[in-house]
N, C-alpha and C. Protein backbone atom coordinates (compact mmCIF):
# COMPACT_ATOMS: atom_id res chain seq x y z
N MET A 1 0.85 -1.17 0.00
CA MET A 1 0.00 0.00 0.00
C MET A 1 0.89 1.23 0.00
N TYR A 2 0.63 2.07 -0.96
CA TYR A 2 1.46 3.26 -1.13
C TYR A 2 0.65 4.50 -0.75
N LEU A 3 1.13 5.29 0.22
CA LEU A 3 0.47 6.53 0.64
C LEU A 3 1.19 7.72 0.05
N LEU A 4 0.41 8.63 -0.49
CA LEU A 4 1.01 9.84 -1.03
C LEU A 4 1.21 10.83 0.11
N LEU A 5 2.41 11.03 0.48
CA LEU A 5 2.75 11.97 1.54
C LEU A 5 3.62 13.06 0.97
N SER A 6 3.32 14.26 1.35
CA SER A 6 4.14 15.39 0.92
C SER A 6 5.18 15.65 2.00
N VAL A 7 6.38 15.38 1.70
CA VAL A 7 7.45 15.57 2.67
C VAL A 7 8.27 16.76 2.22
N SER A 8 8.42 17.71 3.15
CA SER A 8 9.15 18.92 2.82
C SER A 8 9.98 19.33 4.03
N PRO A 9 11.11 19.93 3.80
CA PRO A 9 11.90 20.41 4.95
C PRO A 9 11.27 21.63 5.62
N TYR A 10 10.32 22.26 4.95
CA TYR A 10 9.65 23.44 5.51
C TYR A 10 8.19 23.08 5.82
N PRO A 11 7.78 23.18 7.08
CA PRO A 11 6.38 22.84 7.39
C PRO A 11 5.42 23.89 6.86
N ASN A 12 4.20 23.47 6.63
CA ASN A 12 3.17 24.37 6.14
C ASN A 12 2.69 25.21 7.33
N SER A 13 3.01 26.48 7.33
CA SER A 13 2.64 27.35 8.45
C SER A 13 1.42 28.21 8.12
N ALA A 14 0.77 27.93 7.01
CA ALA A 14 -0.41 28.71 6.63
C ALA A 14 -1.57 28.32 7.55
N VAL A 15 -2.22 29.33 8.10
CA VAL A 15 -3.36 29.12 8.98
C VAL A 15 -4.58 29.71 8.28
N SER A 16 -5.67 28.98 8.30
CA SER A 16 -6.85 29.45 7.61
C SER A 16 -7.48 30.62 8.36
N ALA A 17 -8.35 31.34 7.69
CA ALA A 17 -9.00 32.49 8.31
C ALA A 17 -9.88 32.06 9.48
N GLY A 18 -10.51 30.92 9.37
CA GLY A 18 -11.33 30.41 10.46
C GLY A 18 -10.51 30.10 11.70
N GLU A 19 -9.35 29.52 11.49
CA GLU A 19 -8.46 29.22 12.62
C GLU A 19 -7.95 30.51 13.26
N LEU A 20 -7.61 31.49 12.44
CA LEU A 20 -7.16 32.78 12.99
C LEU A 20 -8.27 33.45 13.80
N ALA A 21 -9.50 33.37 13.30
CA ALA A 21 -10.62 33.95 14.03
C ALA A 21 -10.81 33.22 15.36
N LEU A 22 -10.69 31.91 15.35
CA LEU A 22 -10.82 31.13 16.58
C LEU A 22 -9.72 31.48 17.58
N ILE A 23 -8.51 31.65 17.08
CA ILE A 23 -7.39 32.03 17.95
C ILE A 23 -7.65 33.39 18.58
N ALA A 24 -8.30 34.29 17.88
CA ALA A 24 -8.57 35.62 18.41
C ALA A 24 -9.80 35.65 19.33
N VAL A 25 -10.83 34.87 19.00
CA VAL A 25 -12.10 34.95 19.71
C VAL A 25 -12.07 34.21 21.05
N VAL A 26 -11.44 33.07 21.11
CA VAL A 26 -11.46 32.26 22.34
C VAL A 26 -10.86 33.01 23.54
N PRO A 27 -9.70 33.64 23.45
CA PRO A 27 -9.20 34.38 24.62
C PRO A 27 -10.07 35.58 24.99
N VAL A 28 -10.65 36.24 24.01
CA VAL A 28 -11.51 37.39 24.30
C VAL A 28 -12.76 36.93 25.05
N LEU A 29 -13.37 35.84 24.62
CA LEU A 29 -14.54 35.31 25.30
C LEU A 29 -14.20 34.82 26.71
N ALA A 30 -13.04 34.21 26.86
CA ALA A 30 -12.62 33.74 28.18
C ALA A 30 -12.41 34.92 29.13
N LEU A 31 -11.81 36.00 28.64
CA LEU A 31 -11.61 37.19 29.46
C LEU A 31 -12.94 37.83 29.83
N ALA A 32 -13.86 37.91 28.87
CA ALA A 32 -15.18 38.49 29.15
C ALA A 32 -15.92 37.66 30.19
N ALA A 33 -15.88 36.35 30.08
CA ALA A 33 -16.55 35.49 31.06
C ALA A 33 -15.93 35.65 32.44
N TRP A 34 -14.62 35.74 32.49
CA TRP A 34 -13.94 35.91 33.78
C TRP A 34 -14.33 37.24 34.42
N LEU A 35 -14.35 38.32 33.63
CA LEU A 35 -14.73 39.62 34.18
C LEU A 35 -16.17 39.62 34.67
N ILE A 36 -17.07 39.00 33.93
CA ILE A 36 -18.47 38.92 34.36
C ILE A 36 -18.57 38.17 35.67
N LEU A 37 -17.86 37.06 35.80
CA LEU A 37 -17.90 36.29 37.04
C LEU A 37 -17.32 37.08 38.21
N VAL A 38 -16.24 37.81 37.99
CA VAL A 38 -15.64 38.61 39.06
C VAL A 38 -16.59 39.70 39.51
N PHE A 39 -17.21 40.42 38.58
CA PHE A 39 -18.13 41.49 38.97
C PHE A 39 -19.40 40.94 39.60
N ALA A 40 -19.86 39.79 39.14
CA ALA A 40 -21.05 39.18 39.74
C ALA A 40 -20.76 38.72 41.16
N ALA A 41 -19.58 38.23 41.41
CA ALA A 41 -19.22 37.79 42.76
C ALA A 41 -19.03 38.98 43.70
N ASP A 42 -18.66 40.13 43.16
CA ASP A 42 -18.40 41.30 43.97
C ASP A 42 -19.66 42.09 44.31
N ARG A 43 -20.74 41.85 43.56
CA ARG A 43 -21.98 42.60 43.79
C ARG A 43 -22.54 42.36 45.17
N ARG A 44 -23.07 43.39 45.75
CA ARG A 44 -23.75 43.24 47.04
C ARG A 44 -25.16 42.74 46.79
N PRO A 45 -25.68 41.91 47.69
CA PRO A 45 -27.05 41.42 47.48
C PRO A 45 -28.05 42.56 47.64
N ARG A 46 -29.14 42.47 46.91
CA ARG A 46 -30.19 43.48 46.99
C ARG A 46 -30.93 43.36 48.31
N HIS A 47 -31.49 44.49 48.77
CA HIS A 47 -32.27 44.45 49.99
C HIS A 47 -33.55 43.68 49.74
N GLY A 48 -33.87 42.78 50.65
CA GLY A 48 -35.10 42.02 50.51
C GLY A 48 -34.97 40.85 49.56
N ALA A 49 -33.79 40.56 49.07
CA ALA A 49 -33.61 39.42 48.19
C ALA A 49 -33.73 38.13 49.00
N ALA A 50 -34.12 37.09 48.35
CA ALA A 50 -34.29 35.81 49.05
C ALA A 50 -32.97 35.34 49.63
N GLY A 51 -33.02 34.91 50.88
CA GLY A 51 -31.82 34.39 51.51
C GLY A 51 -30.97 35.44 52.19
N THR A 52 -31.35 36.70 52.14
CA THR A 52 -30.56 37.73 52.81
C THR A 52 -31.29 38.18 54.06
N THR A 53 -30.52 38.65 55.00
CA THR A 53 -31.10 39.16 56.23
C THR A 53 -30.62 40.58 56.45
N SER A 54 -31.31 41.27 57.34
CA SER A 54 -30.91 42.63 57.64
C SER A 54 -30.00 42.69 58.86
N LEU A 55 -29.45 41.56 59.26
CA LEU A 55 -28.59 41.53 60.44
C LEU A 55 -27.27 42.24 60.19
N LEU A 56 -26.87 42.38 58.95
CA LEU A 56 -25.61 43.02 58.65
C LEU A 56 -25.68 44.54 58.78
N ARG A 57 -26.86 45.08 58.78
CA ARG A 57 -27.02 46.52 58.90
C ARG A 57 -26.83 46.95 60.34
N HIS A 58 -26.38 48.15 60.52
CA HIS A 58 -26.20 48.70 61.86
C HIS A 58 -27.58 48.87 62.49
N PRO A 59 -27.72 48.58 63.80
CA PRO A 59 -29.05 48.66 64.41
C PRO A 59 -29.70 50.04 64.31
N GLY A 60 -28.90 51.08 64.33
CA GLY A 60 -29.48 52.42 64.29
C GLY A 60 -29.51 53.03 62.91
N ALA A 61 -29.33 52.24 61.88
CA ALA A 61 -29.25 52.77 60.51
C ALA A 61 -30.58 53.37 60.08
N ARG A 62 -31.69 52.78 60.47
CA ARG A 62 -33.00 53.30 60.05
C ARG A 62 -33.32 54.62 60.75
N GLU A 63 -32.85 54.79 61.97
CA GLU A 63 -33.12 56.04 62.67
C GLU A 63 -32.32 57.20 62.07
N ARG A 64 -31.15 56.90 61.52
CA ARG A 64 -30.30 57.97 60.98
C ARG A 64 -30.70 58.38 59.57
N GLU A 65 -31.40 57.53 58.83
CA GLU A 65 -31.72 57.85 57.44
C GLU A 65 -32.52 59.14 57.29
N PRO A 66 -33.55 59.41 58.11
CA PRO A 66 -34.27 60.68 57.95
C PRO A 66 -33.39 61.89 58.26
N GLU A 67 -32.49 61.74 59.22
CA GLU A 67 -31.61 62.86 59.54
C GLU A 67 -30.70 63.19 58.37
N GLN A 68 -30.21 62.16 57.70
CA GLN A 68 -29.34 62.39 56.57
C GLN A 68 -30.08 63.06 55.42
N SER A 69 -31.33 62.66 55.21
CA SER A 69 -32.09 63.29 54.12
C SER A 69 -32.42 64.74 54.47
N GLU A 70 -32.61 65.04 55.77
CA GLU A 70 -32.86 66.42 56.18
C GLU A 70 -31.63 67.28 55.97
N ARG A 71 -30.46 66.69 56.22
CA ARG A 71 -29.20 67.43 56.02
C ARG A 71 -28.98 67.73 54.53
N LYS A 72 -29.33 66.78 53.68
CA LYS A 72 -29.16 66.99 52.24
C LYS A 72 -30.12 68.09 51.75
N ALA A 73 -31.30 68.16 52.32
CA ALA A 73 -32.28 69.16 51.89
C ALA A 73 -31.87 70.56 52.34
N ALA A 74 -31.15 70.66 53.43
CA ALA A 74 -30.78 71.98 53.96
C ALA A 74 -29.63 72.62 53.23
């Protein structure tokens, strides 16, 4: 059985346009996914969201809120 093989001292270094696009797109998508995950992990939970409690707030925080709004109005 005889196989036709092209043997050359210089390897074929031509890369197709699809391969070049893949080489460019994969790292960009990986970086975007990583940034989204980092920012999502850093977000503070919303007030009243399921599974959150108000224990983290300072006990007197609600009493001070009207005073702060009065100061801003003045």
